[in-house]
Amino acid sequence: MCAAKEIFLARPCVEDPSLFIAESSFGRGMDMEIVCRILEKLDMPEMRCSIRLGVARFRLDDWQVMIYRNGRIDIRRVTNVENAADAMHRVEFMLETAFHD
């Protein structure tokens, strides 16, 4: 598993100021072709994935997740850092075969 770097609560969400947008990184890059295949196979709600652009977006429970080729992750609608870390761990587990050095 990848070790996550620090999680920053960047700013409140526009639609609900009591929730935040978290920014972090897995610290390793991702193979977007594999990411897109996994997300498609899991039939993730609201999934959009672009191998060419190196970005994927999907909904995981109440969170809106965006992941990037370089390992960056943005999570919308988190309540705090611990909530964001929970989302990151779940995404990391789902996509564990897509990480590379």
N, C-alpha and C. Protein backbone atom coordinates (compact mmCIF):
# COMPACT_ATOMS: atom_id res chain seq x y z
N MET A 1 0.84 -1.19 0.00
CA MET A 1 0.00 0.00 0.00
C MET A 1 0.87 1.25 0.00
N CYS A 2 0.31 2.30 -0.56
CA CYS A 2 1.03 3.57 -0.64
C CYS A 2 0.82 4.37 0.64
N ALA A 3 1.83 5.04 1.06
CA ALA A 3 1.69 5.90 2.23
C ALA A 3 1.20 7.27 1.78
N ALA A 4 0.13 7.73 2.36
CA ALA A 4 -0.43 9.02 2.00
C ALA A 4 0.40 10.14 2.61
N LYS A 5 0.51 11.21 1.88
CA LYS A 5 1.15 12.40 2.41
C LYS A 5 0.12 13.14 3.24
N GLU A 6 0.45 14.34 3.66
CA GLU A 6 -0.48 15.13 4.46
C GLU A 6 -1.78 15.39 3.72
N ILE A 7 -2.85 15.49 4.49
CA ILE A 7 -4.15 15.84 3.94
C ILE A 7 -4.46 17.26 4.34
N PHE A 8 -4.80 18.08 3.35
CA PHE A 8 -5.14 19.48 3.61
C PHE A 8 -6.62 19.70 3.36
N LEU A 9 -7.29 20.34 4.29
CA LEU A 9 -8.67 20.76 4.05
C LEU A 9 -8.56 22.11 3.36
N ALA A 10 -8.69 22.10 2.06
CA ALA A 10 -8.40 23.28 1.24
C ALA A 10 -9.38 24.42 1.46
N ARG A 11 -10.66 24.10 1.41
CA ARG A 11 -11.67 25.16 1.53
C ARG A 11 -13.03 24.52 1.72
N PRO A 12 -14.01 25.28 2.21
CA PRO A 12 -15.37 24.73 2.34
C PRO A 12 -15.98 24.46 0.96
N CYS A 13 -16.86 23.47 0.91
CA CYS A 13 -17.59 23.18 -0.32
C CYS A 13 -18.58 24.29 -0.60
N VAL A 14 -18.76 24.62 -1.84
CA VAL A 14 -19.68 25.68 -2.24
C VAL A 14 -21.11 25.32 -1.85
N GLU A 15 -21.51 24.07 -2.11
CA GLU A 15 -22.90 23.68 -1.86
C GLU A 15 -23.24 23.48 -0.40
N ASP A 16 -22.23 23.27 0.46
CA ASP A 16 -22.46 23.09 1.89
C ASP A 16 -21.21 23.54 2.65
N PRO A 17 -21.23 24.74 3.22
CA PRO A 17 -20.04 25.27 3.91
C PRO A 17 -19.60 24.48 5.14
N SER A 18 -20.43 23.53 5.61
CA SER A 18 -20.02 22.71 6.75
C SER A 18 -19.15 21.53 6.30
N LEU A 19 -19.03 21.34 4.98
CA LEU A 19 -18.19 20.27 4.42
C LEU A 19 -16.99 20.89 3.71
N PHE A 20 -15.95 20.09 3.50
CA PHE A 20 -14.71 20.62 2.95
C PHE A 20 -14.23 19.85 1.73
N ILE A 21 -13.29 20.46 1.03
CA ILE A 21 -12.56 19.82 -0.05
C ILE A 21 -11.18 19.47 0.50
N ALA A 22 -10.84 18.19 0.46
CA ALA A 22 -9.54 17.73 0.95
C ALA A 22 -8.63 17.49 -0.24
N GLU A 23 -7.36 17.84 -0.08
CA GLU A 23 -6.34 17.62 -1.11
C GLU A 23 -5.21 16.82 -0.50
N SER A 24 -4.72 15.83 -1.26
CA SER A 24 -3.60 15.03 -0.79
C SER A 24 -2.96 14.31 -1.99
N SER A 25 -2.08 13.39 -1.68
CA SER A 25 -1.40 12.61 -2.72
C SER A 25 -1.09 11.23 -2.16
N PHE A 26 -1.14 10.24 -3.03
CA PHE A 26 -0.74 8.89 -2.64
C PHE A 26 0.78 8.74 -2.64
N GLY A 27 1.48 9.70 -3.24
CA GLY A 27 2.93 9.66 -3.26
C GLY A 27 3.52 8.81 -4.37
N ARG A 28 2.66 8.23 -5.20
CA ARG A 28 3.10 7.44 -6.35
C ARG A 28 2.14 7.69 -7.50
N GLY A 29 2.63 7.50 -8.71
CA GLY A 29 1.80 7.71 -9.88
C GLY A 29 0.82 6.56 -10.10
N MET A 30 -0.09 6.78 -11.04
CA MET A 30 -1.11 5.78 -11.33
C MET A 30 -1.18 5.51 -12.82
N ASP A 31 -1.47 4.28 -13.17
CA ASP A 31 -1.72 3.90 -14.55
C ASP A 31 -3.20 4.16 -14.81
N MET A 32 -3.49 5.22 -15.56
CA MET A 32 -4.88 5.64 -15.74
C MET A 32 -5.70 4.64 -16.56
N GLU A 33 -5.06 3.88 -17.41
CA GLU A 33 -5.81 2.86 -18.14
C GLU A 33 -6.37 1.82 -17.17
N ILE A 34 -5.55 1.42 -16.21
CA ILE A 34 -6.00 0.46 -15.19
C ILE A 34 -7.05 1.10 -14.29
N VAL A 35 -6.83 2.35 -13.88
CA VAL A 35 -7.80 3.07 -13.05
C VAL A 35 -9.16 3.08 -13.72
N CYS A 36 -9.20 3.46 -14.98
CA CYS A 36 -10.48 3.55 -15.70
C CYS A 36 -11.15 2.19 -15.80
N ARG A 37 -10.37 1.15 -16.06
CA ARG A 37 -10.94 -0.20 -16.15
C ARG A 37 -11.54 -0.64 -14.82
N ILE A 38 -10.82 -0.39 -13.72
CA ILE A 38 -11.31 -0.78 -12.39
C ILE A 38 -12.60 -0.03 -12.07
N LEU A 39 -12.61 1.28 -12.27
CA LEU A 39 -13.79 2.08 -11.95
C LEU A 39 -14.99 1.66 -12.79
N GLU A 40 -14.73 1.33 -14.05
CA GLU A 40 -15.80 0.87 -14.93
C GLU A 40 -16.34 -0.48 -14.46
N LYS A 41 -15.44 -1.38 -14.12
CA LYS A 41 -15.84 -2.71 -13.64
C LYS A 41 -16.65 -2.61 -12.35
N LEU A 42 -16.26 -1.69 -11.46
CA LEU A 42 -16.99 -1.50 -10.20
C LEU A 42 -18.28 -0.71 -10.39
N ASP A 43 -18.49 -0.20 -11.60
CA ASP A 43 -19.69 0.58 -11.93
C ASP A 43 -19.90 1.73 -10.93
N MET A 44 -18.83 2.51 -10.73
CA MET A 44 -18.88 3.62 -9.78
C MET A 44 -19.84 4.70 -10.25
N PRO A 45 -20.68 5.19 -9.36
CA PRO A 45 -21.64 6.25 -9.74
C PRO A 45 -20.92 7.52 -10.22
N GLU A 46 -21.52 8.17 -11.20
CA GLU A 46 -21.04 9.46 -11.72
C GLU A 46 -19.59 9.37 -12.21
N MET A 47 -19.17 8.20 -12.67
CA MET A 47 -17.78 8.00 -13.08
C MET A 47 -17.51 8.63 -14.44
N ARG A 48 -16.43 9.39 -14.49
CA ARG A 48 -15.88 9.94 -15.73
C ARG A 48 -14.39 9.70 -15.65
N CYS A 49 -13.81 9.21 -16.73
CA CYS A 49 -12.40 8.87 -16.69
C CYS A 49 -11.77 9.19 -18.04
N SER A 50 -10.63 9.86 -18.01
CA SER A 50 -9.91 10.19 -19.23
C SER A 50 -8.46 9.74 -19.11
N ILE A 51 -8.11 8.73 -19.89
CA ILE A 51 -6.72 8.25 -19.91
C ILE A 51 -5.83 9.35 -20.48
N ARG A 52 -6.29 9.99 -21.55
CA ARG A 52 -5.51 11.04 -22.21
C ARG A 52 -5.22 12.21 -21.28
N LEU A 53 -6.23 12.66 -20.52
CA LEU A 53 -6.05 13.79 -19.61
C LEU A 53 -5.44 13.36 -18.27
N GLY A 54 -5.49 12.08 -17.96
CA GLY A 54 -4.90 11.59 -16.72
C GLY A 54 -5.71 11.94 -15.49
N VAL A 55 -7.04 11.86 -15.60
CA VAL A 55 -7.90 12.21 -14.47
C VAL A 55 -9.14 11.32 -14.46
N ALA A 56 -9.60 11.01 -13.26
CA ALA A 56 -10.83 10.25 -13.09
C ALA A 56 -11.65 10.90 -11.98
N ARG A 57 -12.97 10.89 -12.16
CA ARG A 57 -13.87 11.45 -11.15
C ARG A 57 -14.99 10.43 -10.93
N PHE A 58 -15.38 10.27 -9.68
CA PHE A 58 -16.47 9.35 -9.36
C PHE A 58 -17.00 9.67 -7.97
N ARG A 59 -18.16 9.10 -7.67
CA ARG A 59 -18.75 9.27 -6.34
C ARG A 59 -18.52 7.99 -5.55
N LEU A 60 -18.11 8.16 -4.30
CA LEU A 60 -17.92 7.06 -3.37
C LEU A 60 -18.69 7.44 -2.11
N ASP A 61 -19.80 6.77 -1.88
CA ASP A 61 -20.73 7.16 -0.82
C ASP A 61 -21.13 8.61 -1.03
N ASP A 62 -20.92 9.47 -0.04
CA ASP A 62 -21.27 10.89 -0.19
C ASP A 62 -20.12 11.73 -0.73
N TRP A 63 -18.95 11.14 -0.90
CA TRP A 63 -17.78 11.88 -1.36
C TRP A 63 -17.73 11.95 -2.89
N GLN A 64 -17.26 13.06 -3.40
CA GLN A 64 -16.94 13.21 -4.82
C GLN A 64 -15.41 13.15 -4.90
N VAL A 65 -14.88 12.17 -5.61
CA VAL A 65 -13.44 11.90 -5.64
C VAL A 65 -12.87 12.20 -7.02
N MET A 66 -11.73 12.88 -7.04
CA MET A 66 -10.98 13.09 -8.28
C MET A 66 -9.57 12.59 -8.04
N ILE A 67 -9.10 11.73 -8.95
CA ILE A 67 -7.72 11.25 -8.85
C ILE A 67 -7.00 11.57 -10.15
N TYR A 68 -5.71 11.80 -10.02
CA TYR A 68 -4.89 12.24 -11.14
C TYR A 68 -3.73 11.26 -11.36
N ARG A 69 -3.24 11.23 -12.57
CA ARG A 69 -2.14 10.35 -12.99
C ARG A 69 -0.94 10.43 -12.05
N ASN A 70 -0.65 11.62 -11.54
CA ASN A 70 0.54 11.80 -10.69
C ASN A 70 0.33 11.34 -9.24
N GLY A 71 -0.87 10.82 -8.92
CA GLY A 71 -1.16 10.33 -7.58
C GLY A 71 -1.89 11.31 -6.70
N ARG A 72 -2.14 12.50 -7.19
CA ARG A 72 -2.90 13.49 -6.42
C ARG A 72 -4.35 13.02 -6.29
N ILE A 73 -4.98 13.36 -5.17
CA ILE A 73 -6.38 13.05 -4.95
C ILE A 73 -7.07 14.25 -4.30
N ASP A 74 -8.24 14.60 -4.81
CA ASP A 74 -9.10 15.63 -4.22
C ASP A 74 -10.40 14.95 -3.83
N ILE A 75 -10.87 15.23 -2.63
CA ILE A 75 -12.10 14.63 -2.14
C ILE A 75 -13.02 15.74 -1.67
N ARG A 76 -14.16 15.84 -2.29
CA ARG A 76 -15.15 16.85 -1.91
C ARG A 76 -16.15 16.26 -0.92
N ARG A 77 -16.67 17.12 -0.07
CA ARG A 77 -17.74 16.77 0.87
C ARG A 77 -17.24 15.97 2.08
N VAL A 78 -16.00 16.24 2.52
CA VAL A 78 -15.50 15.59 3.74
C VAL A 78 -15.83 16.45 4.94
N THR A 79 -15.94 15.81 6.09
CA THR A 79 -16.27 16.55 7.32
C THR A 79 -15.03 17.00 8.08
N ASN A 80 -13.92 16.23 7.94
CA ASN A 80 -12.68 16.54 8.64
C ASN A 80 -11.55 15.71 8.04
N VAL A 81 -10.34 15.84 8.57
CA VAL A 81 -9.17 15.13 8.06
C VAL A 81 -9.35 13.62 8.19
N GLU A 82 -9.91 13.15 9.30
CA GLU A 82 -10.10 11.72 9.50
C GLU A 82 -11.07 11.15 8.46
N ASN A 83 -12.12 11.90 8.15
CA ASN A 83 -13.09 11.50 7.14
C ASN A 83 -12.42 11.41 5.78
N ALA A 84 -11.55 12.36 5.47
CA ALA A 84 -10.80 12.35 4.20
C ALA A 84 -9.85 11.16 4.16
N ALA A 85 -9.19 10.86 5.27
CA ALA A 85 -8.27 9.72 5.33
C ALA A 85 -9.02 8.41 5.10
N ASP A 86 -10.22 8.31 5.63
CA ASP A 86 -11.05 7.13 5.40
C ASP A 86 -11.35 6.97 3.91
N ALA A 87 -11.73 8.05 3.26
CA ALA A 87 -12.01 8.01 1.82
C ALA A 87 -10.75 7.60 1.05
N MET A 88 -9.61 8.17 1.41
CA MET A 88 -8.35 7.84 0.73
C MET A 88 -8.01 6.36 0.87
N HIS A 89 -8.17 5.82 2.05
CA HIS A 89 -7.86 4.40 2.26
C HIS A 89 -8.77 3.52 1.42
N ARG A 90 -10.03 3.89 1.32
CA ARG A 90 -10.96 3.10 0.52
C ARG A 90 -10.60 3.17 -0.97
N VAL A 91 -10.25 4.36 -1.44
CA VAL A 91 -9.86 4.51 -2.84
C VAL A 91 -8.56 3.75 -3.10
N GLU A 92 -7.62 3.86 -2.20
CA GLU A 92 -6.34 3.17 -2.34
C GLU A 92 -6.55 1.66 -2.43
N PHE A 93 -7.42 1.12 -1.62
CA PHE A 93 -7.71 -0.31 -1.63
C PHE A 93 -8.35 -0.71 -2.96
N MET A 94 -9.31 0.09 -3.44
CA MET A 94 -10.00 -0.19 -4.70
C MET A 94 -9.04 -0.20 -5.88
N LEU A 95 -8.08 0.71 -5.86
CA LEU A 95 -7.20 0.93 -7.02
C LEU A 95 -5.78 0.42 -6.81
N GLU A 96 -5.57 -0.46 -5.86
CA GLU A 96 -4.22 -0.87 -5.47
C GLU A 96 -3.38 -1.41 -6.64
N THR A 97 -4.00 -2.01 -7.65
CA THR A 97 -3.22 -2.56 -8.77
C THR A 97 -2.85 -1.49 -9.80
N ALA A 98 -3.36 -0.26 -9.63
CA ALA A 98 -3.09 0.81 -10.60
C ALA A 98 -1.88 1.67 -10.23
N PHE A 99 -1.33 1.49 -9.03
CA PHE A 99 -0.20 2.31 -8.61
C PHE A 99 1.11 1.82 -9.22
N HIS A 100 2.00 2.77 -9.51
CA HIS A 100 3.34 2.42 -9.98
C HIS A 100 4.34 3.43 -9.44
N ASP A 101 5.61 3.07 -9.51
CA ASP A 101 6.67 3.97 -9.03
C ASP A 101 7.06 4.96 -10.08
